[in-house]
C-alpha cells in the first residue's frame, strides 16, 4: 500500500483526504476512492480534470499514483481565459483612446 492525498477546493470550502491505496492505482481511481463527490454535490469524479502537485495529468485513467502524491481535482473554468484577456485588452485600448482624445481637446 502507498500513502497519497486527494484534494478538492471551492472558494469557500476545501478538503484533503489521506488514503492508503494499492500500488498500481491510477490517478482516476484514487480520485474515485476519495469519495469527495459525497462532500461536494455536483462534483463528477469520473469526468473531472485531475493533476498531481499542480500539474495536469493528461491520461488520468492510465497514469499511476506514487507514494506521497497529492492528487488534485480541478474545477471547470467559469470563463475562457483567452476571451477574458481579449476583453481586458479592448477595454485598455478604449481607455487609452479616450485619454488621448481628452488631451487633444484641452
N, C-alpha and C. Protein backbone atom coordinates (compact mmCIF):
# COMPACT_ATOMS: atom_id res chain seq x y z
N UNK A 1 0.85 -1.19 0.00
CA UNK A 1 0.00 0.00 0.00
C UNK A 1 0.89 1.25 0.00
N UNK A 2 0.38 2.29 -0.65
CA UNK A 2 1.09 3.57 -0.67
C UNK A 2 0.17 4.66 -0.11
N UNK A 3 0.78 5.70 0.42
CA UNK A 3 0.02 6.82 1.01
C UNK A 3 -0.06 7.96 0.01
N UNK A 4 -1.28 8.47 -0.20
CA UNK A 4 -1.49 9.62 -1.07
C UNK A 4 -2.51 10.55 -0.43
N UNK A 5 -2.66 11.72 -1.02
CA UNK A 5 -3.73 12.64 -0.63
C UNK A 5 -4.51 13.00 -1.88
N UNK A 6 -5.79 13.26 -1.70
CA UNK A 6 -6.64 13.74 -2.79
C UNK A 6 -7.27 15.03 -2.30
N UNK A 7 -7.17 16.09 -3.11
CA UNK A 7 -7.63 17.42 -2.70
C UNK A 7 -8.63 17.99 -3.69
N UNK A 8 -9.60 18.73 -3.14
CA UNK A 8 -10.57 19.47 -3.95
C UNK A 8 -10.90 20.74 -3.18
N UNK A 9 -11.08 21.83 -3.92
CA UNK A 9 -11.35 23.11 -3.25
C UNK A 9 -12.33 23.95 -4.05
N UNK A 10 -13.22 24.57 -3.31
CA UNK A 10 -14.08 25.63 -3.83
C UNK A 10 -13.60 26.92 -3.17
N UNK A 11 -14.17 28.03 -3.55
CA UNK A 11 -13.75 29.31 -2.96
C UNK A 11 -13.97 29.33 -1.44
N UNK A 12 -15.02 28.66 -0.98
CA UNK A 12 -15.38 28.74 0.44
C UNK A 12 -15.22 27.42 1.21
N UNK A 13 -14.79 26.36 0.52
CA UNK A 13 -14.70 25.06 1.19
C UNK A 13 -13.61 24.22 0.52
N UNK A 14 -12.74 23.64 1.33
CA UNK A 14 -11.67 22.80 0.81
C UNK A 14 -11.63 21.50 1.61
N UNK A 15 -11.14 20.46 0.96
CA UNK A 15 -10.99 19.20 1.68
C UNK A 15 -9.84 18.41 1.08
N UNK A 16 -9.03 17.85 1.97
CA UNK A 16 -7.95 16.95 1.57
C UNK A 16 -8.17 15.63 2.31
N UNK A 17 -8.17 14.55 1.55
CA UNK A 17 -8.40 13.23 2.11
C UNK A 17 -7.10 12.43 1.98
N UNK A 18 -6.65 11.85 3.08
CA UNK A 18 -5.48 10.97 3.06
C UNK A 18 -5.97 9.55 2.83
N UNK A 19 -5.30 8.85 1.92
CA UNK A 19 -5.71 7.49 1.57
C UNK A 19 -4.51 6.55 1.54
N UNK A 20 -4.77 5.30 1.81
CA UNK A 20 -3.83 4.21 1.56
C UNK A 20 -4.40 3.45 0.37
N UNK A 21 -3.65 3.40 -0.72
CA UNK A 21 -4.14 2.72 -1.93
C UNK A 21 -3.12 1.68 -2.36
N UNK A 22 -3.59 0.66 -3.07
CA UNK A 22 -2.64 -0.35 -3.56
C UNK A 22 -1.73 0.22 -4.65
N UNK A 23 -0.51 -0.29 -4.73
CA UNK A 23 0.36 0.08 -5.84
C UNK A 23 -0.37 -0.32 -7.12
N UNK A 24 -0.21 0.50 -8.17
CA UNK A 24 -0.91 0.22 -9.42
C UNK A 24 -2.22 0.97 -9.54
N UNK A 25 -2.56 1.80 -8.54
CA UNK A 25 -3.78 2.61 -8.59
C UNK A 25 -3.57 3.78 -9.54
N UNK A 26 -4.54 4.02 -10.42
CA UNK A 26 -4.43 5.15 -11.34
C UNK A 26 -4.88 6.44 -10.65
N UNK A 27 -4.55 7.55 -11.27
CA UNK A 27 -4.95 8.85 -10.74
C UNK A 27 -6.48 8.92 -10.64
N UNK A 28 -7.18 8.46 -11.68
CA UNK A 28 -8.65 8.49 -11.67
C UNK A 28 -9.19 7.60 -10.56
N UNK A 29 -8.64 6.41 -10.40
CA UNK A 29 -9.10 5.51 -9.34
C UNK A 29 -8.91 6.13 -7.97
N UNK A 30 -7.79 6.83 -7.78
CA UNK A 30 -7.54 7.50 -6.50
C UNK A 30 -8.60 8.55 -6.23
N UNK A 31 -8.95 9.33 -7.25
CA UNK A 31 -9.99 10.35 -7.09
C UNK A 31 -11.32 9.69 -6.71
N UNK A 32 -11.65 8.61 -7.38
CA UNK A 32 -12.91 7.91 -7.08
C UNK A 32 -12.89 7.32 -5.67
N UNK A 33 -11.76 6.78 -5.25
CA UNK A 33 -11.65 6.21 -3.90
C UNK A 33 -11.79 7.27 -2.81
N UNK A 34 -11.47 8.52 -3.13
CA UNK A 34 -11.57 9.59 -2.14
C UNK A 34 -13.01 9.87 -1.73
N UNK A 35 -13.94 9.57 -2.59
CA UNK A 35 -15.38 9.83 -2.37
C UNK A 35 -15.66 11.30 -2.05
N UNK A 36 -14.85 12.20 -2.58
CA UNK A 36 -15.08 13.63 -2.34
C UNK A 36 -16.38 14.12 -2.96
N UNK A 37 -16.91 13.36 -3.91
CA UNK A 37 -18.19 13.75 -4.51
C UNK A 37 -19.33 13.69 -3.49
N UNK A 38 -19.14 12.95 -2.40
CA UNK A 38 -20.16 12.91 -1.35
C UNK A 38 -20.19 14.22 -0.56
N UNK A 39 -19.04 14.90 -0.46
CA UNK A 39 -18.94 16.17 0.26
C UNK A 39 -19.23 17.38 -0.63
N UNK A 40 -19.11 17.18 -1.94
CA UNK A 40 -19.30 18.29 -2.89
C UNK A 40 -20.32 17.87 -3.95
N UNK A 41 -21.60 18.12 -3.68
CA UNK A 41 -22.63 17.76 -4.65
C UNK A 41 -22.34 18.43 -6.00
N UNK A 42 -22.52 17.68 -7.06
CA UNK A 42 -22.26 18.21 -8.39
C UNK A 42 -20.87 17.88 -8.90
N UNK A 43 -19.99 17.43 -8.03
CA UNK A 43 -18.64 17.05 -8.45
C UNK A 43 -18.72 15.69 -9.14
N UNK A 44 -18.24 15.63 -10.38
CA UNK A 44 -18.26 14.39 -11.15
C UNK A 44 -16.83 13.86 -11.25
N UNK A 45 -16.48 12.95 -10.38
CA UNK A 45 -15.11 12.43 -10.33
C UNK A 45 -14.73 11.64 -11.57
N UNK A 46 -15.71 11.07 -12.25
CA UNK A 46 -15.43 10.29 -13.46
C UNK A 46 -15.05 11.18 -14.63
N UNK A 47 -15.43 12.47 -14.58
CA UNK A 47 -15.18 13.38 -15.69
C UNK A 47 -14.22 14.53 -15.37
N UNK A 48 -13.97 14.80 -14.10
CA UNK A 48 -13.16 15.95 -13.70
C UNK A 48 -11.73 15.85 -14.22
N UNK A 49 -11.14 17.03 -14.51
CA UNK A 49 -9.72 17.08 -14.84
C UNK A 49 -8.94 16.86 -13.55
N UNK A 50 -7.84 16.14 -13.66
CA UNK A 50 -7.06 15.79 -12.48
C UNK A 50 -5.60 16.17 -12.68
N UNK A 51 -4.92 16.37 -11.57
CA UNK A 51 -3.49 16.67 -11.62
C UNK A 51 -2.79 16.11 -10.40
N UNK A 52 -1.47 16.20 -10.45
CA UNK A 52 -0.64 15.82 -9.31
C UNK A 52 0.29 16.98 -9.03
N UNK A 53 0.22 17.52 -7.83
CA UNK A 53 1.05 18.66 -7.42
C UNK A 53 1.02 19.78 -8.46
N UNK A 54 -0.18 20.23 -8.82
CA UNK A 54 -0.40 21.38 -9.72
C UNK A 54 -0.04 21.14 -11.18
N UNK A 55 0.19 19.92 -11.56
CA UNK A 55 0.47 19.60 -12.96
C UNK A 55 -0.65 18.70 -13.48
N UNK A 56 -1.32 19.17 -14.55
CA UNK A 56 -2.43 18.42 -15.11
C UNK A 56 -1.94 17.07 -15.63
N UNK A 57 -2.72 16.03 -15.35
CA UNK A 57 -2.42 14.69 -15.84
C UNK A 57 -3.27 14.48 -17.09
N UNK A 58 -2.62 14.26 -18.23
CA UNK A 58 -3.36 14.15 -19.49
C UNK A 58 -4.10 12.82 -19.62
N UNK A 59 -3.60 11.77 -19.00
CA UNK A 59 -4.25 10.46 -19.08
C UNK A 59 -4.45 9.89 -17.67
N UNK A 60 -5.40 10.45 -16.92
CA UNK A 60 -5.58 10.02 -15.53
C UNK A 60 -6.06 8.58 -15.38
N UNK A 61 -6.61 8.01 -16.45
CA UNK A 61 -7.05 6.61 -16.38
C UNK A 61 -5.90 5.64 -16.61
N UNK A 62 -4.73 6.19 -16.98
CA UNK A 62 -3.56 5.36 -17.24
C UNK A 62 -2.40 5.64 -16.28
N UNK A 63 -2.23 6.91 -15.90
CA UNK A 63 -1.09 7.27 -15.05
C UNK A 63 -1.30 6.76 -13.63
N UNK A 64 -0.25 6.17 -13.09
CA UNK A 64 -0.32 5.61 -11.73
C UNK A 64 0.14 6.64 -10.71
N UNK A 65 -0.45 6.56 -9.52
CA UNK A 65 -0.01 7.43 -8.43
C UNK A 65 1.21 6.80 -7.77
N UNK A 66 2.02 7.66 -7.16
CA UNK A 66 3.21 7.21 -6.44
C UNK A 66 3.06 7.58 -4.97
N UNK A 67 3.82 6.93 -4.13
CA UNK A 67 3.77 7.20 -2.70
C UNK A 67 4.03 8.68 -2.44
N UNK A 68 3.16 9.32 -1.66
CA UNK A 68 3.32 10.72 -1.31
C UNK A 68 2.67 11.70 -2.27
N UNK A 69 2.09 11.22 -3.37
CA UNK A 69 1.44 12.12 -4.33
C UNK A 69 0.23 12.82 -3.72
N UNK A 70 -0.02 14.05 -4.20
CA UNK A 70 -1.27 14.75 -3.89
C UNK A 70 -2.03 14.88 -5.20
N UNK A 71 -3.10 14.12 -5.32
CA UNK A 71 -3.97 14.19 -6.49
C UNK A 71 -4.90 15.37 -6.30
N UNK A 72 -5.00 16.22 -7.31
CA UNK A 72 -5.85 17.41 -7.23
C UNK A 72 -6.97 17.28 -8.25
N UNK A 73 -8.17 17.59 -7.81
CA UNK A 73 -9.35 17.57 -8.67
C UNK A 73 -9.62 19.01 -9.06
N UNK A 74 -9.62 19.29 -10.36
CA UNK A 74 -9.77 20.66 -10.84
C UNK A 74 -11.22 20.96 -11.22
N UNK A 75 -11.64 22.17 -10.85
CA UNK A 75 -12.98 22.65 -11.23
C UNK A 75 -12.94 23.10 -12.68
N UNK A 76 -14.09 23.06 -13.36
CA UNK A 76 -14.12 23.59 -14.73
C UNK A 76 -13.96 25.11 -14.70
N UNK A 77 -13.38 25.66 -15.75
CA UNK A 77 -13.22 27.11 -15.84
C UNK A 77 -14.57 27.78 -16.01
N UNK A 78 -14.76 28.90 -15.34
CA UNK A 78 -16.00 29.66 -15.47
C UNK A 78 -15.98 30.48 -16.74
N UNK A 79 -14.83 31.05 -17.06
CA UNK A 79 -14.68 31.88 -18.25
C UNK A 79 -13.44 31.43 -19.03
N UNK A 80 -13.50 31.58 -20.34
CA UNK A 80 -12.37 31.25 -21.19
C UNK A 80 -11.27 32.28 -20.98
N UNK A 81 -10.09 31.88 -20.50
CA UNK A 81 -9.02 32.84 -20.21
C UNK A 81 -8.62 33.67 -21.43
N UNK A 82 -8.64 33.07 -22.60
CA UNK A 82 -8.28 33.80 -23.82
C UNK A 82 -9.28 34.92 -24.09
N UNK A 83 -10.55 34.63 -23.91
CA UNK A 83 -11.59 35.64 -24.13
C UNK A 83 -11.50 36.76 -23.09
N UNK A 84 -11.21 36.42 -21.87
CA UNK A 84 -11.06 37.43 -20.81
C UNK A 84 -9.89 38.36 -21.13
N UNK A 85 -8.77 37.81 -21.61
CA UNK A 85 -7.62 38.65 -21.99
C UNK A 85 -7.99 39.59 -23.14
N UNK A 86 -8.74 39.08 -24.12
CA UNK A 86 -9.17 39.93 -25.25
C UNK A 86 -10.03 41.09 -24.75
N UNK A 87 -10.97 40.79 -23.86
CA UNK A 87 -11.85 41.83 -23.33
C UNK A 87 -11.05 42.87 -22.54
N UNK A 88 -10.09 42.42 -21.75
CA UNK A 88 -9.27 43.33 -20.96
C UNK A 88 -8.43 44.22 -21.88
N UNK A 89 -7.88 43.65 -22.94
CA UNK A 89 -7.07 44.43 -23.89
C UNK A 89 -7.94 45.46 -24.62
N UNK A 90 -9.15 45.07 -25.00
CA UNK A 90 -10.05 46.00 -25.69
C UNK A 90 -10.43 47.16 -24.76
N UNK A 91 -10.67 46.86 -23.50
CA UNK A 91 -11.02 47.90 -22.54
C UNK A 91 -9.85 48.86 -22.33
N UNK A 92 -8.65 48.33 -22.21
CA UNK A 92 -7.46 49.17 -22.02
C UNK A 92 -7.24 50.06 -23.24
N UNK A 93 -7.45 49.51 -24.43
CA UNK A 93 -7.29 50.28 -25.66
C UNK A 93 -8.31 51.41 -25.71
N UNK A 94 -9.57 51.11 -25.36
CA UNK A 94 -10.62 52.14 -25.36
C UNK A 94 -10.30 53.25 -24.37
N UNK A 95 -9.79 52.89 -23.19
CA UNK A 95 -9.41 53.89 -22.20
C UNK A 95 -8.25 54.76 -22.70
N UNK A 96 -7.29 54.15 -23.37
CA UNK A 96 -6.15 54.90 -23.90
C UNK A 96 -6.60 55.88 -24.98
N UNK A 97 -7.51 55.44 -25.83
CA UNK A 97 -8.03 56.32 -26.90
C UNK A 97 -8.80 57.48 -26.28
N UNK A 98 -9.63 57.19 -25.29
CA UNK A 98 -10.41 58.24 -24.64
C UNK A 98 -9.49 59.24 -23.95
N UNK A 99 -8.45 58.76 -23.32
CA UNK A 99 -7.49 59.63 -22.64
C UNK A 99 -6.76 60.51 -23.66
N UNK A 100 -6.38 59.92 -24.79
CA UNK A 100 -5.69 60.65 -25.85
C UNK A 100 -6.59 61.75 -26.43
N UNK A 101 -7.86 61.43 -26.63
CA UNK A 101 -8.80 62.42 -27.17
C UNK A 101 -9.02 63.55 -26.18
N UNK A 102 -9.03 63.23 -24.90
CA UNK A 102 -9.21 64.26 -23.87
C UNK A 102 -8.02 65.21 -23.87
N UNK A 103 -6.82 64.68 -24.00
CA UNK A 103 -5.61 65.50 -24.03
C UNK A 103 -5.62 66.41 -25.25
N UNK A 104 -6.02 65.90 -26.41
CA UNK A 104 -6.07 66.70 -27.64
C UNK A 104 -7.09 67.82 -27.55
N UNK A 105 -8.21 67.58 -26.86
CA UNK A 105 -9.27 68.60 -26.78
C UNK A 105 -8.92 69.72 -25.80
N UNK A 106 -7.98 69.50 -24.93
CA UNK A 106 -7.58 70.54 -23.94
C UNK A 106 -6.55 71.41 -24.49
